[in-house]
Amino acid sequence: TNTKEEDPNLVNVESQMVGTAYLAPNPESAPFIKVGDPIEKGQVFCIIEAMKLFNEIESEISGIVEEICINDSDPIEYGQTLIKVRKT
């Protein structure tokens, strides 16, 4: 069921930059995170490449990865939701 009510325990982690998102450290590697994984504050969950600089993006909160809102190699806008984390 999809309700319009905001879940206070579900936090959108948003991009602080524009660039290209990568969900794994390199093409041969497993993704940083999967839905259902625990995630810690400060844990890297993706890389955003901006002007040939690779920026590791860290979670702002600890919890469980509820949703990954981007795909590998997606162009990312500033303020775009990258992942949703359920606070634990």
PDB file of N, CA and C in Angstrom:
ATOM      1  N   THR A   1       0.851  -1.194   0.000  1.00  0.00           N
ATOM      2  CA  THR A   1       0.000   0.000   0.000  1.00  0.00           C
ATOM      3  C   THR A   1       0.884   1.241   0.000  1.00  0.00           C
ATOM      4  N   ASN A   2       0.590   2.137  -0.895  1.00  0.00           N
ATOM      5  CA  ASN A   2       1.376   3.361  -1.002  1.00  0.00           C
ATOM      6  C   ASN A   2       0.527   4.517  -0.480  1.00  0.00           C
ATOM      7  N   THR A   3       0.894   5.024   0.675  1.00  0.00           N
ATOM      8  CA  THR A   3       0.127   6.128   1.257  1.00  0.00           C
ATOM      9  C   THR A   3       0.884   7.424   1.054  1.00  0.00           C
ATOM     10  N   LYS A   4       0.161   8.516   1.055  1.00  0.00           N
ATOM     11  CA  LYS A   4       0.789   9.823   0.878  1.00  0.00           C
ATOM     12  C   LYS A   4       1.336  10.359   2.192  1.00  0.00           C
ATOM     13  N   GLU A   5       1.023   9.673   3.294  1.00  0.00           N
ATOM     14  CA  GLU A   5       1.530  10.137   4.590  1.00  0.00           C
ATOM     15  C   GLU A   5       3.045  10.004   4.609  1.00  0.00           C
ATOM     16  N   GLU A   6       3.702  11.017   5.140  1.00  0.00           N
ATOM     17  CA  GLU A   6       5.144  10.953   5.272  1.00  0.00           C
ATOM     18  C   GLU A   6       5.490  10.052   6.456  1.00  0.00           C
ATOM     19  N   ASP A   7       6.378   9.117   6.228  1.00  0.00           N
ATOM     20  CA  ASP A   7       6.862   8.248   7.293  1.00  0.00           C
ATOM     21  C   ASP A   7       8.032   8.959   7.971  1.00  0.00           C
ATOM     22  N   PRO A   8       7.893   9.320   9.236  1.00  0.00           N
ATOM     23  CA  PRO A   8       8.969  10.079   9.895  1.00  0.00           C
ATOM     24  C   PRO A   8      10.264   9.283  10.041  1.00  0.00           C
ATOM     25  N   ASN A   9      10.177   7.956   9.942  1.00  0.00           N
ATOM     26  CA  ASN A   9      11.376   7.135  10.072  1.00  0.00           C
ATOM     27  C   ASN A   9      12.055   6.857   8.740  1.00  0.00           C
ATOM     28  N   LEU A  10      11.424   7.317   7.655  1.00  0.00           N
ATOM     29  CA  LEU A  10      12.002   7.109   6.327  1.00  0.00           C
ATOM     30  C   LEU A  10      12.660   8.418   5.886  1.00  0.00           C
ATOM     31  N   VAL A  11      13.961   8.367   5.681  1.00  0.00           N
ATOM     32  CA  VAL A  11      14.724   9.576   5.380  1.00  0.00           C
ATOM     33  C   VAL A  11      15.269   9.493   3.960  1.00  0.00           C
ATOM     34  N   ASN A  12      15.039  10.549   3.173  1.00  0.00           N
ATOM     35  CA  ASN A  12      15.617  10.648   1.835  1.00  0.00           C
ATOM     36  C   ASN A  12      17.040  11.184   1.959  1.00  0.00           C
ATOM     37  N   VAL A  13      17.999  10.446   1.439  1.00  0.00           N
ATOM     38  CA  VAL A  13      19.376  10.937   1.376  1.00  0.00           C
ATOM     39  C   VAL A  13      19.545  11.534  -0.016  1.00  0.00           C
ATOM     40  N   GLU A  14      19.807  12.839  -0.057  1.00  0.00           N
ATOM     41  CA  GLU A  14      19.806  13.579  -1.321  1.00  0.00           C
ATOM     42  C   GLU A  14      21.217  13.910  -1.772  1.00  0.00           C
ATOM     43  N   SER A  15      21.351  14.110  -3.071  1.00  0.00           N
ATOM     44  CA  SER A  15      22.641  14.456  -3.643  1.00  0.00           C
ATOM     45  C   SER A  15      22.971  15.919  -3.349  1.00  0.00           C
ATOM     46  N   GLN A  16      24.218  16.161  -2.994  1.00  0.00           N
ATOM     47  CA  GLN A  16      24.696  17.521  -2.766  1.00  0.00           C
ATOM     48  C   GLN A  16      25.425  18.058  -4.000  1.00  0.00           C
ATOM     49  N   MET A  17      25.336  17.325  -5.121  1.00  0.00           N
ATOM     50  CA  MET A  17      26.054  17.756  -6.316  1.00  0.00           C
ATOM     51  C   MET A  17      25.372  17.213  -7.562  1.00  0.00           C
ATOM     52  N   VAL A  18      25.800  17.737  -8.692  1.00  0.00           N
ATOM     53  CA  VAL A  18      25.354  17.262  -9.997  1.00  0.00           C
ATOM     54  C   VAL A  18      26.465  16.389 -10.555  1.00  0.00           C
ATOM     55  N   GLY A  19      26.102  15.292 -11.174  1.00  0.00           N
ATOM     56  CA  GLY A  19      27.126  14.436 -11.763  1.00  0.00           C
ATOM     57  C   GLY A  19      26.528  13.125 -12.232  1.00  0.00           C
ATOM     58  N   THR A  20      27.383  12.105 -12.338  1.00  0.00           N
ATOM     59  CA  THR A  20      26.961  10.776 -12.754  1.00  0.00           C
ATOM     60  C   THR A  20      27.145   9.823 -11.589  1.00  0.00           C
ATOM     61  N   ALA A  21      26.103   9.074 -11.263  1.00  0.00           N
ATOM     62  CA  ALA A  21      26.149   8.186 -10.107  1.00  0.00           C
ATOM     63  C   ALA A  21      26.657   6.804 -10.489  1.00  0.00           C
ATOM     64  N   TYR A  22      27.456   6.249  -9.609  1.00  0.00           N
ATOM     65  CA  TYR A  22      27.904   4.864  -9.749  1.00  0.00           C
ATOM     66  C   TYR A  22      27.601   4.143  -8.441  1.00  0.00           C
ATOM     67  N   LEU A  23      26.971   2.982  -8.565  1.00  0.00           N
ATOM     68  CA  LEU A  23      26.513   2.256  -7.377  1.00  0.00           C
ATOM     69  C   LEU A  23      27.524   1.235  -6.886  1.00  0.00           C
ATOM     70  N   ALA A  24      28.641   1.098  -7.611  1.00  0.00           N
ATOM     71  CA  ALA A  24      29.705   0.181  -7.201  1.00  0.00           C
ATOM     72  C   ALA A  24      31.045   0.883  -7.358  1.00  0.00           C
ATOM     73  N   PRO A  25      32.055   0.445  -6.613  1.00  0.00           N
ATOM     74  CA  PRO A  25      33.363   1.099  -6.694  1.00  0.00           C
ATOM     75  C   PRO A  25      33.994   0.990  -8.083  1.00  0.00           C
ATOM     76  N   ASN A  26      33.705  -0.109  -8.798  1.00  0.00           N
ATOM     77  CA  ASN A  26      34.148  -0.251 -10.183  1.00  0.00           C
ATOM     78  C   ASN A  26      33.238  -1.267 -10.858  1.00  0.00           C
ATOM     79  N   PRO A  27      33.292  -1.353 -12.195  1.00  0.00           N
ATOM     80  CA  PRO A  27      32.322  -2.205 -12.918  1.00  0.00           C
ATOM     81  C   PRO A  27      32.355  -3.681 -12.519  1.00  0.00           C
ATOM     82  N   GLU A  28      33.495  -4.164 -12.028  1.00  0.00           N
ATOM     83  CA  GLU A  28      33.606  -5.578 -11.666  1.00  0.00           C
ATOM     84  C   GLU A  28      33.121  -5.855 -10.244  1.00  0.00           C
ATOM     85  N   SER A  29      32.920  -4.806  -9.460  1.00  0.00           N
ATOM     86  CA  SER A  29      32.603  -4.987  -8.044  1.00  0.00           C
ATOM     87  C   SER A  29      31.110  -5.104  -7.794  1.00  0.00           C
ATOM     88  N   ALA A  30      30.789  -5.670  -6.660  1.00  0.00           N
ATOM     89  CA  ALA A  30      29.404  -5.678  -6.191  1.00  0.00           C
ATOM     90  C   ALA A  30      29.014  -4.254  -5.816  1.00  0.00           C
ATOM     91  N   PRO A  31      27.719  -3.936  -5.849  1.00  0.00           N
ATOM     92  CA  PRO A  31      27.281  -2.600  -5.429  1.00  0.00           C
ATOM     93  C   PRO A  31      27.640  -2.335  -3.962  1.00  0.00           C
ATOM     94  N   PHE A  32      27.780  -1.061  -3.632  1.00  0.00           N
ATOM     95  CA  PHE A  32      28.054  -0.682  -2.239  1.00  0.00           C
ATOM     96  C   PHE A  32      26.962  -1.191  -1.302  1.00  0.00           C
ATOM     97  N   ILE A  33      25.702  -1.065  -1.731  1.00  0.00           N
ATOM     98  CA  ILE A  33      24.574  -1.434  -0.873  1.00  0.00           C
ATOM     99  C   ILE A  33      23.493  -2.125  -1.698  1.00  0.00           C
ATOM    100  N   LYS A  34      22.652  -2.872  -0.996  1.00  0.00           N
ATOM    101  CA  LYS A  34      21.443  -3.455  -1.575  1.00  0.00           C
ATOM    102  C   LYS A  34      20.267  -3.064  -0.689  1.00  0.00           C
ATOM    103  N   VAL A  35      19.070  -3.100  -1.250  1.00  0.00           N
ATOM    104  CA  VAL A  35      17.866  -2.863  -0.453  1.00  0.00           C
ATOM    105  C   VAL A  35      17.830  -3.895   0.666  1.00  0.00           C
ATOM    106  N   GLY A  36      17.546  -3.425   1.878  1.00  0.00           N
ATOM    107  CA  GLY A  36      17.495  -4.310   3.029  1.00  0.00           C
ATOM    108  C   GLY A  36      18.782  -4.345   3.829  1.00  0.00           C
ATOM    109  N   ASP A  37      19.860  -3.791   3.253  1.00  0.00           N
ATOM    110  CA  ASP A  37      21.140  -3.762   3.969  1.00  0.00           C
ATOM    111  C   ASP A  37      21.087  -2.754   5.116  1.00  0.00           C
ATOM    112  N   PRO A  38      21.771  -3.065   6.212  1.00  0.00           N
ATOM    113  CA  PRO A  38      22.002  -2.016   7.214  1.00  0.00           C
ATOM    114  C   PRO A  38      23.026  -1.028   6.667  1.00  0.00           C
ATOM    115  N   ILE A  39      22.875   0.228   7.035  1.00  0.00           N
ATOM    116  CA  ILE A  39      23.830   1.258   6.609  1.00  0.00           C
ATOM    117  C   ILE A  39      24.156   2.122   7.816  1.00  0.00           C
ATOM    118  N   GLU A  40      25.412   2.499   7.927  1.00  0.00           N
ATOM    119  CA  GLU A  40      25.868   3.317   9.053  1.00  0.00           C
ATOM    120  C   GLU A  40      26.077   4.752   8.587  1.00  0.00           C
ATOM    121  N   LYS A  41      25.883   5.685   9.511  1.00  0.00           N
ATOM    122  CA  LYS A  41      26.206   7.084   9.225  1.00  0.00           C
ATOM    123  C   LYS A  41      27.669   7.154   8.807  1.00  0.00           C
ATOM    124  N   GLY A  42      27.931   7.816   7.682  1.00  0.00           N
ATOM    125  CA  GLY A  42      29.297   7.938   7.191  1.00  0.00           C
ATOM    126  C   GLY A  42      29.714   6.832   6.242  1.00  0.00           C
ATOM    127  N   GLN A  43      28.833   5.833   6.038  1.00  0.00           N
ATOM    128  CA  GLN A  43      29.149   4.735   5.113  1.00  0.00           C
ATOM    129  C   GLN A  43      28.948   5.187   3.676  1.00  0.00           C
ATOM    130  N   VAL A  44      29.917   4.890   2.823  1.00  0.00           N
ATOM    131  CA  VAL A  44      29.818   5.224   1.400  1.00  0.00           C
ATOM    132  C   VAL A  44      28.776   4.312   0.751  1.00  0.00           C
ATOM    133  N   PHE A  45      27.824   4.907   0.017  1.00  0.00           N
ATOM    134  CA  PHE A  45      26.816   4.085  -0.659  1.00  0.00           C
ATOM    135  C   PHE A  45      26.801   4.295  -2.167  1.00  0.00           C
ATOM    136  N   CYS A  46      27.472   5.310  -2.662  1.00  0.00           N
ATOM    137  CA  CYS A  46      27.632   5.474  -4.104  1.00  0.00           C
ATOM    138  C   CYS A  46      28.749   6.471  -4.360  1.00  0.00           C
ATOM    139  N   ILE A  47      29.089   6.586  -5.633  1.00  0.00           N
ATOM    140  CA  ILE A  47      30.091   7.563  -6.063  1.00  0.00           C
ATOM    141  C   ILE A  47      29.407   8.459  -7.083  1.00  0.00           C
ATOM    142  N   ILE A  48      29.632   9.759  -6.964  1.00  0.00           N
ATOM    143  CA  ILE A  48      29.146  10.671  -7.992  1.00  0.00           C
ATOM    144  C   ILE A  48      30.359  11.320  -8.654  1.00  0.00           C
ATOM    145  N   GLU A  49      30.424  11.124  -9.964  1.00  0.00           N
ATOM    146  CA  GLU A  49      31.524  11.688 -10.732  1.00  0.00           C
ATOM    147  C   GLU A  49      31.088  13.036 -11.270  1.00  0.00           C
ATOM    148  N   ALA A  50      31.862  14.048 -10.944  1.00  0.00           N
ATOM    149  CA  ALA A  50      31.590  15.397 -11.424  1.00  0.00           C
ATOM    150  C   ALA A  50      32.900  15.955 -11.973  1.00  0.00           C
ATOM    151  N   MET A  51      32.910  16.280 -13.232  1.00  0.00           N
ATOM    152  CA  MET A  51      34.098  16.851 -13.876  1.00  0.00           C
ATOM    153  C   MET A  51      35.342  16.011 -13.587  1.00  0.00           C
ATOM    154  N   LYS A  52      35.228  14.714 -13.812  1.00  0.00           N
ATOM    155  CA  LYS A  52      36.335  13.753 -13.671  1.00  0.00           C
ATOM    156  C   LYS A  52      36.801  13.556 -12.224  1.00  0.00           C
ATOM    157  N   LEU A  53      36.100  14.147 -11.271  1.00  0.00           N
ATOM    158  CA  LEU A  53      36.391  13.882  -9.861  1.00  0.00           C
ATOM    159  C   LEU A  53      35.367  12.878  -9.353  1.00  0.00           C
ATOM    160  N   PHE A  54      35.855  11.860  -8.664  1.00  0.00           N
ATOM    161  CA  PHE A  54      34.973  10.831  -8.120  1.00  0.00           C
ATOM    162  C   PHE A  54      34.760  11.105  -6.639  1.00  0.00           C
ATOM    163  N   ASN A  55      33.514  11.445  -6.291  1.00  0.00           N
ATOM    164  CA  ASN A  55      33.181  11.838  -4.931  1.00  0.00           C
ATOM    165  C   ASN A  55      32.428  10.703  -4.255  1.00  0.00           C
ATOM    166  N   GLU A  56      32.997  10.191  -3.163  1.00  0.00           N
ATOM    167  CA  GLU A  56      32.297   9.157  -2.395  1.00  0.00           C
ATOM    168  C   GLU A  56      31.170   9.812  -1.619  1.00  0.00           C
ATOM    169  N   ILE A  57      29.961   9.282  -1.777  1.00  0.00           N
ATOM    170  CA  ILE A  57      28.794   9.839  -1.117  1.00  0.00           C
ATOM    171  C   ILE A  57      28.484   8.978   0.103  1.00  0.00           C
ATOM    172  N   GLU A  58      28.402   9.626   1.258  1.00  0.00           N
ATOM    173  CA  GLU A  58      28.185   8.915   2.517  1.00  0.00           C
ATOM    174  C   GLU A  58      26.773   9.137   3.015  1.00  0.00           C
ATOM    175  N   SER A  59      26.261   8.134   3.708  1.00  0.00           N
ATOM    176  CA  SER A  59      24.940   8.259   4.315  1.00  0.00           C
ATOM    177  C   SER A  59      24.998   9.258   5.469  1.00  0.00           C
ATOM    178  N   GLU A  60      23.937  10.045   5.605  1.00  0.00           N
ATOM    179  CA  GLU A  60      23.863  11.025   6.694  1.00  0.00           C
ATOM    180  C   GLU A  60      23.326  10.391   7.964  1.00  0.00           C
ATOM    181  N   ILE A  61      22.721   9.206   7.831  1.00  0.00           N
ATOM    182  CA  ILE A  61      22.100   8.567   8.990  1.00  0.00           C
ATOM    183  C   ILE A  61      22.377   7.065   8.962  1.00  0.00           C
ATOM    184  N   SER A  62      22.135   6.431  10.105  1.00  0.00           N
ATOM    185  CA  SER A  62      22.202   4.975  10.199  1.00  0.00           C
ATOM    186  C   SER A  62      20.797   4.407  10.102  1.00  0.00           C
ATOM    187  N   GLY A  63      20.701   3.217   9.532  1.00  0.00           N
ATOM    188  CA  GLY A  63      19.400   2.569   9.421  1.00  0.00           C
ATOM    189  C   GLY A  63      19.449   1.410   8.453  1.00  0.00           C
ATOM    190  N   ILE A  64      18.329   1.149   7.799  1.00  0.00           N
ATOM    191  CA  ILE A  64      18.207   0.068   6.816  1.00  0.00           C
ATOM    192  C   ILE A  64      17.889   0.705   5.460  1.00  0.00           C
ATOM    193  N   VAL A  65      18.575   0.255   4.422  1.00  0.00           N
ATOM    194  CA  VAL A  65      18.316   0.759   3.070  1.00  0.00           C
ATOM    195  C   VAL A  65      16.927   0.277   2.641  1.00  0.00           C
ATOM    196  N   GLU A  66      16.011   1.217   2.476  1.00  0.00           N
ATOM    197  CA  GLU A  66      14.627   0.899   2.120  1.00  0.00           C
ATOM    198  C   GLU A  66      14.443   0.901   0.606  1.00  0.00           C
ATOM    199  N   GLU A  67      15.125   1.827  -0.056  1.00  0.00           N
ATOM    200  CA  GLU A  67      14.959   1.961  -1.502  1.00  0.00           C
ATOM    201  C   GLU A  67      16.200   2.625  -2.074  1.00  0.00           C
ATOM    202  N   ILE A  68      16.624   2.151  -3.242  1.00  0.00           N
ATOM    203  CA  ILE A  68      17.691   2.816  -4.002  1.00  0.00           C
ATOM    204  C   ILE A  68      16.989   3.499  -5.170  1.00  0.00           C
ATOM    205  N   CYS A  69      17.053   4.817  -5.207  1.00  0.00           N
ATOM    206  CA  CYS A  69      16.216   5.620  -6.111  1.00  0.00           C
ATOM    207  C   CYS A  69      16.907   5.966  -7.421  1.00  0.00           C
ATOM    208  N   ILE A  70      18.109   5.469  -7.592  1.00  0.00           N
ATOM    209  CA  ILE A  70      18.880   5.771  -8.803  1.00  0.00           C
ATOM    210  C   ILE A  70      19.399   4.467  -9.392  1.00  0.00           C
ATOM    211  N   ASN A  71      19.781   4.517 -10.645  1.00  0.00           N
ATOM    212  CA  ASN A  71      20.423   3.384 -11.308  1.00  0.00           C
ATOM    213  C   ASN A  71      21.874   3.731 -11.587  1.00  0.00           C
ATOM    214  N   ASP A  72      22.671   2.694 -11.756  1.00  0.00           N
ATOM    215  CA  ASP A  72      24.081   2.901 -12.062  1.00  0.00           C
ATOM    216  C   ASP A  72      24.221   3.733 -13.336  1.00  0.00           C
ATOM    217  N   SER A  73      25.113   4.687 -13.313  1.00  0.00           N
ATOM    218  CA  SER A  73      25.430   5.587 -14.435  1.00  0.00           C
ATOM    219  C   SER A  73      24.346   6.623 -14.710  1.00  0.00           C
ATOM    220  N   ASP A  74      23.377   6.754 -13.813  1.00  0.00           N
ATOM    221  CA  ASP A  74      22.350   7.793 -13.969  1.00  0.00           C
ATOM    222  C   ASP A  74      22.958   9.184 -13.836  1.00  0.00           C
ATOM    223  N   PRO A  75      22.493  10.143 -14.657  1.00  0.00           N
ATOM    224  CA  PRO A  75      22.829  11.548 -14.392  1.00  0.00           C
ATOM    225  C   PRO A  75      22.043  12.010 -13.171  1.00  0.00           C
ATOM    226  N   ILE A  76      22.720  12.697 -12.255  1.00  0.00           N
ATOM    227  CA  ILE A  76      22.126  13.096 -10.978  1.00  0.00           C
ATOM    228  C   ILE A  76      22.022  14.609 -10.920  1.00  0.00           C
ATOM    229  N   GLU A  77      20.903  15.082 -10.399  1.00  0.00           N
ATOM    230  CA  GLU A  77      20.690  16.512 -10.167  1.00  0.00           C
ATOM    231  C   GLU A  77      20.935  16.836  -8.696  1.00  0.00           C
ATOM    232  N   TYR A  78      21.282  18.093  -8.438  1.00  0.00           N
ATOM    233  CA  TYR A  78      21.406  18.547  -7.054  1.00  0.00           C
ATOM    234  C   TYR A  78      20.061  18.387  -6.353  1.00  0.00           C
ATOM    235  N   GLY A  79      20.073  17.804  -5.153  1.00  0.00           N
ATOM    236  CA  GLY A  79      18.843  17.659  -4.375  1.00  0.00           C
ATOM    237  C   GLY A  79      18.026  16.429  -4.716  1.00  0.00           C
ATOM    238  N   GLN A  80      18.474  15.645  -5.702  1.00  0.00           N
ATOM    239  CA  GLN A  80      17.763  14.421  -6.082  1.00  0.00           C
ATOM    240  C   GLN A  80      17.931  13.365  -4.995  1.00  0.00           C
ATOM    241  N   THR A  81      16.849  12.644  -4.696  1.00  0.00           N
ATOM    242  CA  THR A  81      16.921  11.576  -3.712  1.00  0.00           C
ATOM    243  C   THR A  81      17.720  10.407  -4.300  1.00  0.00           C
ATOM    244  N   LEU A  82      18.757  10.005  -3.571  1.00  0.00           N
ATOM    245  CA  LEU A  82      19.610   8.905  -4.009  1.00  0.00           C
ATOM    246  C   LEU A  82      19.116   7.580  -3.415  1.00  0.00           C
ATOM    247  N   ILE A  83      18.943   7.601  -2.105  1.00  0.00           N
ATOM    248  CA  ILE A  83      18.427   6.408  -1.408  1.00  0.00           C
ATOM    249  C   ILE A  83      17.464   6.852  -0.323  1.00  0.00           C
ATOM    250  N   LYS A  84      16.637   5.888   0.115  1.00  0.00           N
ATOM    251  CA  LYS A  84      15.778   6.109   1.275  1.00  0.00           C
ATOM    252  C   LYS A  84      16.208   5.152   2.352  1.00  0.00           C
ATOM    253  N   VAL A  85      16.415   5.692   3.550  1.00  0.00           N
ATOM    254  CA  VAL A  85      16.896   4.913   4.674  1.00  0.00           C
ATOM    255  C   VAL A  85      15.859   4.949   5.796  1.00  0.00           C
ATOM    256  N   ARG A  86      15.533   3.764   6.315  1.00  0.00           N
ATOM    257  CA  ARG A  86      14.636   3.683   7.466  1.00  0.00           C
ATOM    258  C   ARG A  86      15.480   3.724   8.723  1.00  0.00           C
ATOM    259  N   LYS A  87      15.260   4.772   9.538  1.00  0.00           N
ATOM    260  CA  LYS A  87      16.010   4.915  10.778  1.00  0.00           C
ATOM    261  C   LYS A  87      15.681   3.756  11.707  1.00  0.00           C
ATOM    262  N   THR A  88      16.719   3.245  12.379  1.00  0.00           N
ATOM    263  CA  THR A  88      16.518   2.126  13.299  1.00  0.00           C
ATOM    264  C   THR A  88      16.756   2.576  14.727  1.00  0.00           C
TER     265      THR A  88
END
